[in-house]
Amino acid sequence: MYRKATMVLAIAAALGLPHVARAQSQDELKALREQVRQLDKRVQDAEATAQQAAVQASSRPTGENAMNPAVSLILNGTYGNLSQDPAGYKLNGFVPTNGEVSPPNRGVSLGESELAISANADHLFRGTGIFSVSPENEIEVEEAYIQTLALSYGFTMKAGRFFSGVGYLNQIHAHAWDFTDAPLANKVFLGNQLNDDGIQLKWVAPTDLYLDVGLELGRGRKFPGGPDGGQNKNGFGLTNFFTHIGGDLGTGTAWQTGISYLNTSPLGRTYDDPDSTGTTVTNSFAGNSRLWVFDGVLKWAPGYNPTYTNFKLQGEFFRRKEDGDLTYDTAGISQGTQTGGYASRQSGWYLQGVYQFIRMWRVGYRYDRLDAGTASIGLVNSGALTAADFPILAAYNPTRQTVMVDWSPSEFSRVRLQFAQDKSRSDVTDNQAFLQYIVSLGAHGAHKF
């Protein structure tokens, strides 16, 4: 500090400030010291500004700056050949989610396109906006959030709309999936993919073994919450706790496993179902929904170099408990509005493996299974209505087998051929074939482990 002040004093003298040698009064010396102090403060402020700029630059991806954010566009299209009409798709044994759970359309179809924009706002915050455009020309905000860059001790915070950290696959955008569509378990328990408005606090431990712990507080604006758009109340409508642990095995294998607990209390979560008279009625659930998810991923590549050959094993197990009230025919158009108790215990899982056998070429297999478990419907137990008035909830265990082969000439493009035998509907088997392309234009961030 004293050395810096001396240097500033010398510069001041060279610039023609009052001559130190001629200063003979205390007032002159005092004024001179004040000028030196002001110059020293300016130097310190300049150093602090330079340090902040360095921090911001170090956390910004290559090729991105404040005036030139990273922009990318994902183009996706499919050709589908299905033995059953996708418009009539349903998962028997489970409450409909009203999400986009149906398989891709028959024939040639433009898939969901995705536009992403991201940049550091400053040395403290980073912003990301990801917008999807449906084949019907509808624009939806998939993610729009800010994220901290400079919290200490391994903490980061995210606020806005984002894909929930529940499970493993839910956090990954569809263009980075290893198969054309989501597993059945993600469809029935998360409405295909859960994104919510809220905040996320995450901590990564400073250890050799990877460990993270996170908490999310959300609005509960969509399934498994409800009603659509969220409840008109203060506070939060959904909470999710998650943790992951992972590490390396030998010189070519990496692993990660995790557990999540999602809790929400939907109020007026509706779905449509034809009753025993053939009338399509709207039913509504209000109560508590608790979901446990256990996930695991194992990756192998010789010497951690996946360029030529690699293998990925991935799986998740879901277990949900719901308790509350089920209201039949909320509009009273058939047998009158009636309300009774409802409780269910349901589960599901999938396991998939993807193997890259030569450069650019991969093959994969996935098996899905759901267990409708037991459902107690008060209106049926009391005799007020019959099980035929709730046909979608009839016990059934959907399954599906899927195989795929894909070719990726670069990290920016992929062509995939996929075949599936889908037994989601209790009365028919849907044999599906899809040819899909995925192309990425512009800068795109790294994908999740």
Protein backbone atom coordinates (compact mmCIF):
# COMPACT_ATOMS: atom_id res chain seq x y z
CA MET A 1 0.00 0.00 0.00
CA TYR A 2 2.78 2.47 0.96
CA ARG A 3 4.79 1.53 -2.13
CA LYS A 4 1.75 2.17 -4.34
CA ALA A 5 1.16 5.58 -2.71
CA THR A 6 4.79 6.54 -3.31
CA MET A 7 4.47 5.63 -6.98
CA VAL A 8 1.28 7.70 -7.33
CA LEU A 9 3.03 10.62 -5.62
CA ALA A 10 5.87 10.45 -8.14
CA ILE A 11 3.42 10.43 -11.05
CA ALA A 12 1.57 13.38 -9.57
CA ALA A 13 4.78 15.35 -9.29
CA ALA A 14 5.70 14.60 -12.91
CA LEU A 15 2.31 15.86 -14.08
CA GLY A 16 2.90 19.28 -12.57
CA LEU A 17 1.06 19.00 -9.29
CA PRO A 18 2.26 21.48 -6.58
CA HIS A 19 5.95 20.98 -6.07
CA VAL A 20 6.62 18.88 -3.01
CA ALA A 21 9.99 20.47 -2.47
CA ARG A 22 8.45 23.92 -2.12
CA ALA A 23 5.60 22.92 0.19
CA GLN A 24 6.48 24.53 3.46
CA SER A 25 3.20 24.88 5.26
CA GLN A 26 1.09 22.16 6.86
CA ASP A 27 -1.92 23.18 4.75
CA GLU A 28 -0.03 22.63 1.51
CA LEU A 29 1.21 19.22 2.66
CA LYS A 30 -2.31 18.24 3.74
CA ALA A 31 -3.77 19.21 0.36
CA LEU A 32 -1.05 17.28 -1.44
CA ARG A 33 -1.70 14.14 0.62
CA GLU A 34 -5.43 14.38 -0.20
CA GLN A 35 -4.66 14.49 -3.91
CA VAL A 36 -2.44 11.44 -3.57
CA ARG A 37 -5.20 9.61 -1.64
CA GLN A 38 -7.73 10.36 -4.39
CA LEU A 39 -5.36 9.11 -7.09
CA ASP A 40 -4.65 5.96 -5.07
CA LYS A 41 -8.39 5.27 -4.74
CA ARG A 42 -8.82 5.58 -8.50
CA VAL A 43 -6.07 3.02 -9.03
CA GLN A 44 -7.76 0.59 -6.63
CA ASP A 45 -11.13 1.06 -8.32
CA ALA A 46 -9.55 0.40 -11.71
CA GLU A 47 -7.94 -2.81 -10.41
CA ALA A 48 -11.27 -4.01 -8.96
CA THR A 49 -13.05 -3.34 -12.25
CA ALA A 50 -10.40 -5.26 -14.16
CA GLN A 51 -10.70 -8.19 -11.75
CA GLN A 52 -14.50 -8.33 -12.17
CA ALA A 53 -14.13 -8.28 -15.93
CA ALA A 54 -11.67 -11.16 -15.73
CA VAL A 55 -14.10 -13.22 -13.63
CA GLN A 56 -16.91 -12.59 -16.10
CA ALA A 57 -14.74 -13.49 -19.07
CA SER A 58 -13.52 -16.71 -17.45
CA SER A 59 -17.12 -17.92 -16.89
CA ARG A 60 -18.28 -17.10 -20.41
CA PRO A 61 -18.18 -19.80 -23.12
CA THR A 62 -15.75 -19.30 -25.99
CA GLY A 63 -17.06 -17.05 -28.76
CA GLU A 64 -19.58 -15.30 -26.53
CA ASN A 65 -19.50 -11.79 -25.14
CA ALA A 66 -21.86 -9.19 -23.72
CA MET A 67 -22.68 -7.78 -27.16
CA ASN A 68 -22.69 -11.17 -28.92
CA PRO A 69 -24.71 -13.79 -26.97
CA ALA A 70 -24.64 -17.46 -27.90
CA VAL A 71 -27.54 -18.21 -30.25
CA SER A 72 -28.51 -21.66 -31.51
CA LEU A 73 -31.38 -23.19 -33.47
CA ILE A 74 -32.36 -26.86 -33.31
CA LEU A 75 -34.24 -28.27 -36.32
CA ASN A 76 -36.08 -31.55 -35.86
CA GLY A 77 -38.29 -33.57 -38.18
CA THR A 78 -39.73 -37.10 -38.38
CA TYR A 79 -41.36 -39.55 -40.71
CA GLY A 80 -43.72 -41.84 -38.79
CA ASN A 81 -45.36 -45.13 -39.64
CA LEU A 82 -47.73 -46.28 -36.86
CA SER A 83 -50.21 -49.15 -36.83
CA GLN A 84 -52.51 -47.19 -34.48
CA ASP A 85 -53.72 -43.60 -34.76
CA PRO A 86 -51.57 -41.40 -32.45
CA ALA A 87 -54.61 -39.12 -31.94
CA GLY A 88 -56.19 -41.89 -29.85
CA TYR A 89 -53.09 -42.56 -27.77
CA LYS A 90 -53.56 -43.21 -24.05
CA LEU A 91 -51.79 -44.95 -21.18
CA ASN A 92 -54.34 -47.22 -19.56
CA GLY A 93 -54.25 -47.52 -15.79
CA PHE A 94 -53.00 -43.98 -15.21
CA VAL A 95 -54.58 -40.54 -14.88
CA PRO A 96 -54.09 -38.59 -18.14
CA THR A 97 -51.54 -35.79 -17.74
CA ASN A 98 -52.82 -33.52 -20.56
CA GLY A 99 -49.16 -33.26 -21.57
CA GLU A 100 -47.59 -33.94 -24.96
CA VAL A 101 -47.28 -37.69 -24.41
CA SER A 102 -48.48 -38.98 -27.78
CA PRO A 103 -45.95 -40.40 -30.24
CA PRO A 104 -45.00 -38.36 -33.33
CA ASN A 105 -47.55 -38.07 -36.14
CA ARG A 106 -47.94 -40.40 -39.05
CA GLY A 107 -46.24 -39.38 -42.28
CA VAL A 108 -43.82 -36.49 -42.67
CA SER A 109 -43.96 -34.04 -39.80
CA LEU A 110 -41.93 -31.09 -38.65
CA GLY A 111 -40.93 -31.76 -35.07
CA GLU A 112 -40.43 -29.23 -32.33
CA SER A 113 -37.86 -26.59 -33.27
CA GLU A 114 -35.87 -24.89 -30.52
CA LEU A 115 -34.29 -21.43 -30.35
CA ALA A 116 -31.80 -20.78 -27.54
CA ILE A 117 -30.14 -17.50 -26.50
CA SER A 118 -27.70 -17.22 -23.59
CA ALA A 119 -25.04 -14.83 -22.29
CA ASN A 120 -23.48 -13.49 -19.14
CA ALA A 121 -25.30 -10.35 -18.01
CA ASP A 122 -22.31 -9.35 -15.89
CA HIS A 123 -19.87 -10.95 -13.44
CA LEU A 124 -22.75 -12.03 -11.16
CA PHE A 125 -25.51 -13.37 -13.41
CA ARG A 126 -26.01 -15.41 -16.57
CA GLY A 127 -29.27 -15.46 -18.52
CA THR A 128 -30.72 -18.22 -20.71
CA GLY A 129 -33.86 -18.25 -22.84
CA ILE A 130 -34.98 -21.36 -24.76
CA PHE A 131 -38.12 -21.20 -26.90
CA SER A 132 -39.81 -24.09 -28.69
CA VAL A 133 -41.87 -23.76 -31.87
CA SER A 134 -44.42 -26.52 -32.42
CA PRO A 135 -45.46 -27.86 -35.85
CA GLU A 136 -48.73 -25.96 -35.27
CA ASN A 137 -46.75 -22.67 -35.14
CA GLU A 138 -47.25 -22.25 -31.40
CA ILE A 139 -44.39 -20.69 -29.45
CA GLU A 140 -43.73 -21.85 -25.90
CA VAL A 141 -41.16 -20.75 -23.35
CA GLU A 142 -39.36 -23.95 -22.39
CA GLU A 143 -36.78 -22.27 -20.19
CA ALA A 144 -36.11 -18.63 -19.28
CA TYR A 145 -33.97 -18.14 -16.21
CA ILE A 146 -31.07 -16.34 -14.63
CA GLN A 147 -28.27 -18.16 -12.85
CA THR A 148 -25.64 -16.94 -10.44
CA LEU A 149 -21.95 -17.02 -11.34
CA ALA A 150 -20.16 -15.85 -8.22
CA LEU A 151 -21.73 -17.49 -5.15
CA SER A 152 -19.13 -18.99 -2.82
CA TYR A 153 -18.57 -22.48 -1.42
CA GLY A 154 -20.01 -24.38 -4.40
CA PHE A 155 -23.49 -22.81 -4.35
CA THR A 156 -25.45 -21.74 -7.43
CA MET A 157 -28.96 -20.35 -7.67
CA LYS A 158 -31.37 -20.38 -10.60
CA ALA A 159 -34.62 -18.40 -10.90
CA GLY A 160 -37.27 -18.32 -13.61
CA ARG A 161 -38.68 -21.18 -15.68
CA PHE A 162 -36.53 -24.28 -16.08
CA PHE A 163 -36.66 -28.04 -16.42
CA SER A 164 -36.90 -29.57 -12.98
CA GLY A 165 -33.97 -31.52 -11.54
CA VAL A 166 -36.26 -34.45 -10.72
CA GLY A 167 -34.68 -37.66 -11.98
CA TYR A 168 -32.13 -37.74 -14.79
CA LEU A 169 -33.77 -37.43 -18.22
CA ASN A 170 -36.16 -34.62 -17.29
CA GLN A 171 -33.32 -32.07 -17.24
CA ILE A 172 -32.18 -32.91 -20.78
CA HIS A 173 -33.70 -31.27 -23.85
CA ALA A 174 -35.44 -33.63 -26.27
CA HIS A 175 -32.90 -33.15 -29.09
CA ALA A 176 -30.21 -34.65 -26.83
CA TRP A 177 -32.22 -37.79 -25.95
CA ASP A 178 -30.94 -41.15 -27.16
CA PHE A 179 -34.38 -42.11 -28.48
CA THR A 180 -37.04 -40.23 -30.42
CA ASP A 181 -39.51 -40.00 -27.53
CA ALA A 182 -39.51 -40.11 -23.73
CA PRO A 183 -39.87 -43.29 -21.64
CA LEU A 184 -43.40 -44.24 -20.55
CA ALA A 185 -42.58 -43.46 -16.92
CA ASN A 186 -41.68 -39.86 -17.75
CA LYS A 187 -44.95 -39.53 -19.66
CA VAL A 188 -47.28 -40.72 -16.88
CA PHE A 189 -45.48 -39.25 -13.87
CA LEU A 190 -44.10 -35.99 -15.29
CA GLY A 191 -46.39 -35.27 -18.24
CA ASN A 192 -43.50 -36.09 -20.61
CA GLN A 193 -41.20 -33.34 -19.24
CA LEU A 194 -41.70 -31.08 -16.23
CA ASN A 195 -40.72 -27.42 -16.43
CA ASP A 196 -41.95 -25.03 -13.77
CA ASP A 197 -41.60 -21.44 -12.63
CA GLY A 198 -39.57 -21.13 -9.44
CA ILE A 199 -36.13 -21.09 -7.89
CA GLN A 200 -33.44 -23.71 -7.52
CA LEU A 201 -30.60 -23.74 -5.01
CA LYS A 202 -27.82 -26.24 -5.69
CA TRP A 203 -24.61 -27.09 -3.86
CA VAL A 204 -21.68 -29.06 -5.30
CA ALA A 205 -19.32 -30.47 -2.68
CA PRO A 206 -15.58 -29.70 -2.95
CA THR A 207 -14.65 -33.40 -3.01
CA ASP A 208 -12.98 -35.78 -5.45
CA LEU A 209 -16.18 -37.83 -5.51
CA TYR A 210 -18.89 -35.79 -7.22
CA LEU A 211 -21.73 -34.85 -4.88
CA ASP A 212 -24.54 -32.35 -5.35
CA VAL A 213 -27.60 -31.47 -3.29
CA GLY A 214 -30.44 -29.29 -4.54
CA LEU A 215 -33.80 -27.83 -3.58
CA GLU A 216 -36.47 -26.45 -5.93
CA LEU A 217 -39.50 -24.37 -5.00
CA GLY A 218 -41.98 -23.96 -7.85
CA ARG A 219 -45.40 -22.69 -8.79
CA GLY A 220 -46.85 -26.11 -9.65
CA ARG A 221 -48.27 -24.73 -12.88
CA LYS A 222 -48.69 -28.06 -14.69
CA PHE A 223 -48.98 -31.81 -14.09
CA PRO A 224 -48.40 -33.35 -11.56
CA GLY A 225 -49.46 -30.03 -10.03
CA GLY A 226 -52.62 -28.22 -10.99
CA PRO A 227 -54.68 -26.58 -12.19
CA ASP A 228 -52.92 -25.59 -15.41
CA GLY A 229 -51.17 -22.31 -14.81
CA GLY A 230 -50.91 -22.87 -11.06
CA GLN A 231 -53.07 -21.97 -8.11
CA ASN A 232 -54.03 -18.39 -7.25
CA LYS A 233 -52.24 -18.25 -3.91
CA ASN A 234 -49.11 -16.97 -2.24
CA GLY A 235 -46.15 -19.26 -1.64
CA PHE A 236 -45.14 -22.33 -3.61
CA GLY A 237 -47.17 -25.16 -5.10
CA LEU A 238 -44.37 -27.66 -5.74
CA THR A 239 -41.14 -28.68 -4.01
CA ASN A 240 -38.40 -30.99 -5.22
CA PHE A 241 -35.34 -32.23 -3.36
CA PHE A 242 -32.57 -34.01 -5.26
CA THR A 243 -29.06 -35.28 -4.73
CA HIS A 244 -26.51 -37.06 -6.94
CA ILE A 245 -23.23 -38.81 -6.33
CA GLY A 246 -20.77 -40.03 -8.95
CA GLY A 247 -17.18 -40.81 -9.78
CA ASP A 248 -14.78 -42.80 -11.94
CA LEU A 249 -14.01 -46.50 -12.11
CA GLY A 250 -10.62 -47.42 -13.53
CA THR A 251 -9.43 -45.54 -16.60
CA GLY A 252 -12.52 -45.52 -18.79
CA THR A 253 -15.72 -45.77 -16.75
CA ALA A 254 -17.74 -43.03 -15.07
CA TRP A 255 -20.93 -43.41 -13.06
CA GLN A 256 -23.59 -41.33 -11.35
CA THR A 257 -26.63 -42.18 -9.28
CA GLY A 258 -29.26 -39.97 -7.71
CA ILE A 259 -32.53 -39.71 -5.83
CA SER A 260 -35.32 -37.11 -6.05
CA TYR A 261 -38.43 -36.42 -4.01
CA LEU A 262 -41.13 -34.25 -5.60
CA ASN A 263 -44.14 -33.12 -3.59
CA THR A 264 -47.14 -31.12 -4.79
CA SER A 265 -50.77 -30.54 -3.79
CA PRO A 266 -52.89 -30.15 -6.94
CA LEU A 267 -56.26 -28.45 -6.65
CA GLY A 268 -58.60 -28.97 -9.58
CA ARG A 269 -56.27 -31.13 -11.72
CA THR A 270 -58.65 -32.19 -14.47
CA TYR A 271 -58.81 -34.89 -17.13
CA ASP A 272 -61.44 -36.19 -19.58
CA ASP A 273 -62.73 -39.77 -19.63
CA PRO A 274 -65.82 -41.44 -21.19
CA ASP A 275 -68.13 -42.85 -18.52
CA SER A 276 -70.42 -45.91 -18.58
CA THR A 277 -73.03 -44.03 -20.64
CA GLY A 278 -70.51 -43.16 -23.34
CA THR A 279 -70.48 -39.49 -22.37
CA THR A 280 -67.06 -37.85 -22.16
CA VAL A 281 -66.97 -36.15 -18.77
CA THR A 282 -64.38 -34.01 -17.00
CA ASN A 283 -63.10 -35.38 -13.70
CA SER A 284 -60.99 -33.49 -11.18
CA PHE A 285 -58.48 -34.46 -8.47
CA ALA A 286 -57.50 -32.46 -5.39
CA GLY A 287 -55.08 -33.73 -2.78
CA ASN A 288 -51.43 -34.67 -2.31
CA SER A 289 -49.04 -36.17 -4.86
CA ARG A 290 -45.64 -37.50 -3.78
CA LEU A 291 -43.11 -38.87 -6.26
CA TRP A 292 -39.81 -40.66 -5.58
CA VAL A 293 -37.32 -41.09 -8.45
CA PHE A 294 -34.15 -43.18 -8.36
CA ASP A 295 -31.80 -42.74 -11.33
CA GLY A 296 -28.46 -44.12 -12.45
CA VAL A 297 -26.07 -43.65 -15.39
CA LEU A 298 -22.95 -45.61 -16.33
CA LYS A 299 -20.66 -44.48 -19.16
CA TRP A 300 -17.69 -46.30 -20.64
CA ALA A 301 -15.14 -45.19 -23.24
CA PRO A 302 -11.59 -46.53 -23.72
CA GLY A 303 -9.29 -44.05 -22.02
CA TYR A 304 -12.28 -41.68 -21.62
CA ASN A 305 -12.13 -41.04 -25.37
CA PRO A 306 -15.65 -41.62 -26.80
CA THR A 307 -14.73 -40.70 -30.38
CA TYR A 308 -14.65 -44.25 -31.76
CA THR A 309 -16.41 -46.53 -29.27
CA ASN A 310 -18.42 -45.92 -26.12
CA PHE A 311 -21.31 -47.36 -24.14
CA LYS A 312 -23.99 -45.76 -21.98
CA LEU A 313 -26.34 -47.56 -19.57
CA GLN A 314 -29.18 -45.47 -18.14
CA GLY A 315 -32.22 -46.21 -16.02
CA GLU A 316 -34.80 -44.67 -13.68
CA PHE A 317 -37.40 -46.01 -11.23
CA PHE A 318 -40.49 -43.96 -10.29
CA ARG A 319 -42.80 -44.49 -7.31
CA ARG A 320 -45.86 -42.26 -6.77
CA LYS A 321 -48.43 -42.01 -3.98
CA GLU A 322 -51.55 -39.87 -4.32
CA ASP A 323 -54.31 -39.25 -1.77
CA GLY A 324 -57.26 -36.86 -1.92
CA ASP A 325 -60.67 -36.37 -3.48
CA LEU A 326 -61.80 -37.34 -6.98
CA THR A 327 -64.73 -35.39 -8.41
CA TYR A 328 -66.71 -37.07 -11.18
CA ASP A 329 -68.32 -35.01 -13.97
CA THR A 330 -67.46 -31.49 -12.81
CA ALA A 331 -69.86 -30.00 -15.39
CA GLY A 332 -72.78 -32.26 -14.41
CA ILE A 333 -73.57 -33.31 -17.98
CA SER A 334 -74.03 -37.07 -17.38
CA GLN A 335 -74.88 -38.58 -13.99
CA GLY A 336 -74.41 -35.47 -11.89
CA THR A 337 -71.37 -34.09 -10.12
CA GLN A 338 -70.20 -36.36 -7.29
CA THR A 339 -67.10 -36.37 -5.09
CA GLY A 340 -65.43 -39.20 -3.18
CA GLY A 341 -62.04 -40.23 -1.83
CA TYR A 342 -59.19 -41.41 -4.02
CA ALA A 343 -55.85 -43.10 -3.28
CA SER A 344 -53.30 -44.77 -5.55
CA ARG A 345 -49.86 -46.37 -5.35
CA GLN A 346 -48.17 -46.65 -8.75
CA SER A 347 -44.69 -47.20 -10.15
CA GLY A 348 -42.75 -47.52 -13.36
CA TRP A 349 -39.24 -47.86 -14.72
CA TYR A 350 -37.13 -48.03 -17.82
CA LEU A 351 -33.66 -49.29 -18.66
CA GLN A 352 -31.75 -48.45 -21.82
CA GLY A 353 -28.34 -49.10 -23.32
CA VAL A 354 -26.67 -47.29 -26.23
CA TYR A 355 -23.46 -48.57 -27.85
CA GLN A 356 -21.30 -46.72 -30.38
CA PHE A 357 -19.61 -49.56 -32.26
CA ILE A 358 -17.69 -47.47 -34.80
CA ARG A 359 -17.18 -43.77 -35.27
CA MET A 360 -20.46 -41.90 -35.91
CA TRP A 361 -22.68 -45.01 -35.60
CA ARG A 362 -24.69 -46.13 -32.53
CA VAL A 363 -27.31 -48.75 -31.69
CA GLY A 364 -29.62 -48.75 -28.69
CA TYR A 365 -32.33 -50.71 -26.89
CA ARG A 366 -34.84 -49.56 -24.26
CA TYR A 367 -37.42 -51.43 -22.20
CA ASP A 368 -40.27 -49.60 -20.43
CA ARG A 369 -42.71 -50.98 -17.88
CA LEU A 370 -45.44 -49.39 -15.74
CA ASP A 371 -47.32 -50.83 -12.79
CA ALA A 372 -50.79 -49.33 -12.20
CA GLY A 373 -50.70 -50.79 -8.68
CA THR A 374 -53.80 -50.32 -6.57
CA ALA A 375 -56.31 -47.49 -6.84
CA SER A 376 -59.10 -46.92 -4.35
CA ILE A 377 -62.03 -44.91 -5.78
CA GLY A 378 -64.49 -43.90 -3.07
CA LEU A 379 -67.42 -43.40 -5.44
CA VAL A 380 -66.98 -46.96 -6.74
CA ASN A 381 -66.43 -48.49 -3.30
CA SER A 382 -69.65 -46.86 -2.01
CA GLY A 383 -71.69 -48.05 -4.97
CA ALA A 384 -72.55 -44.53 -6.12
CA LEU A 385 -70.83 -45.23 -9.45
CA THR A 386 -69.20 -48.23 -11.11
CA ALA A 387 -65.66 -48.90 -12.31
CA ALA A 388 -67.00 -48.48 -15.87
CA ASP A 389 -67.44 -44.77 -15.09
CA PHE A 390 -63.63 -44.48 -14.73
CA PRO A 391 -62.32 -46.69 -17.58
CA ILE A 392 -58.90 -45.03 -17.85
CA LEU A 393 -58.16 -46.04 -14.24
CA ALA A 394 -58.81 -49.76 -14.80
CA ALA A 395 -55.78 -51.79 -13.70
CA TYR A 396 -53.30 -52.34 -16.53
CA ASN A 397 -49.50 -52.50 -16.79
CA PRO A 398 -48.25 -50.89 -20.03
CA THR A 399 -44.96 -52.02 -21.58
CA ARG A 400 -42.87 -50.99 -24.58
CA GLN A 401 -39.73 -52.22 -26.34
CA THR A 402 -37.68 -49.91 -28.54
CA VAL A 403 -34.62 -50.35 -30.76
CA MET A 404 -32.78 -47.64 -32.66
CA VAL A 405 -29.75 -46.99 -34.84
CA ASP A 406 -28.40 -43.50 -35.50
CA TRP A 407 -25.67 -41.83 -37.53
CA SER A 408 -23.98 -38.60 -36.41
CA PRO A 409 -21.61 -37.21 -39.06
CA SER A 410 -20.73 -34.41 -36.61
CA GLU A 411 -21.74 -33.11 -33.21
CA PHE A 412 -24.21 -30.81 -34.99
CA SER A 413 -26.32 -33.36 -36.88
CA ARG A 414 -27.90 -36.78 -36.36
CA VAL A 415 -30.16 -39.11 -38.34
CA ARG A 416 -32.02 -41.83 -36.42
CA LEU A 417 -34.10 -44.88 -37.36
CA GLN A 418 -36.26 -46.25 -34.53
CA PHE A 419 -38.69 -49.16 -34.14
CA ALA A 420 -40.98 -49.72 -31.17
CA GLN A 421 -43.66 -52.15 -30.02
CA ASP A 422 -45.88 -50.06 -27.75
CA LYS A 423 -48.47 -51.73 -25.50
CA SER A 424 -49.62 -48.59 -23.71
CA ARG A 425 -53.25 -49.24 -24.67
CA SER A 426 -54.87 -52.29 -23.10
CA ASP A 427 -56.72 -53.40 -26.22
CA VAL A 428 -54.16 -52.95 -29.02
CA THR A 429 -50.44 -53.09 -29.78
CA ASP A 430 -48.97 -50.13 -31.65
CA ASN A 431 -46.08 -51.02 -33.96
CA GLN A 432 -44.13 -47.84 -34.64
CA ALA A 433 -41.33 -46.85 -37.02
CA PHE A 434 -39.70 -43.42 -37.09
CA LEU A 435 -37.06 -41.78 -39.23
CA GLN A 436 -35.78 -38.63 -37.53
CA TYR A 437 -33.28 -35.87 -38.27
CA ILE A 438 -31.82 -33.41 -35.75
CA VAL A 439 -29.63 -30.48 -36.82
CA SER A 440 -28.07 -27.86 -34.56
CA LEU A 441 -27.15 -24.44 -35.94
CA GLY A 442 -24.94 -22.04 -33.99
CA ALA A 443 -23.29 -22.26 -30.61
CA HIS A 444 -24.81 -24.72 -28.19
CA GLY A 445 -23.91 -25.40 -24.57
CA ALA A 446 -22.52 -28.67 -23.27
CA HIS A 447 -25.03 -31.36 -22.39
CA LYS A 448 -25.53 -32.89 -18.95
CA PHE A 449 -23.38 -35.87 -17.89
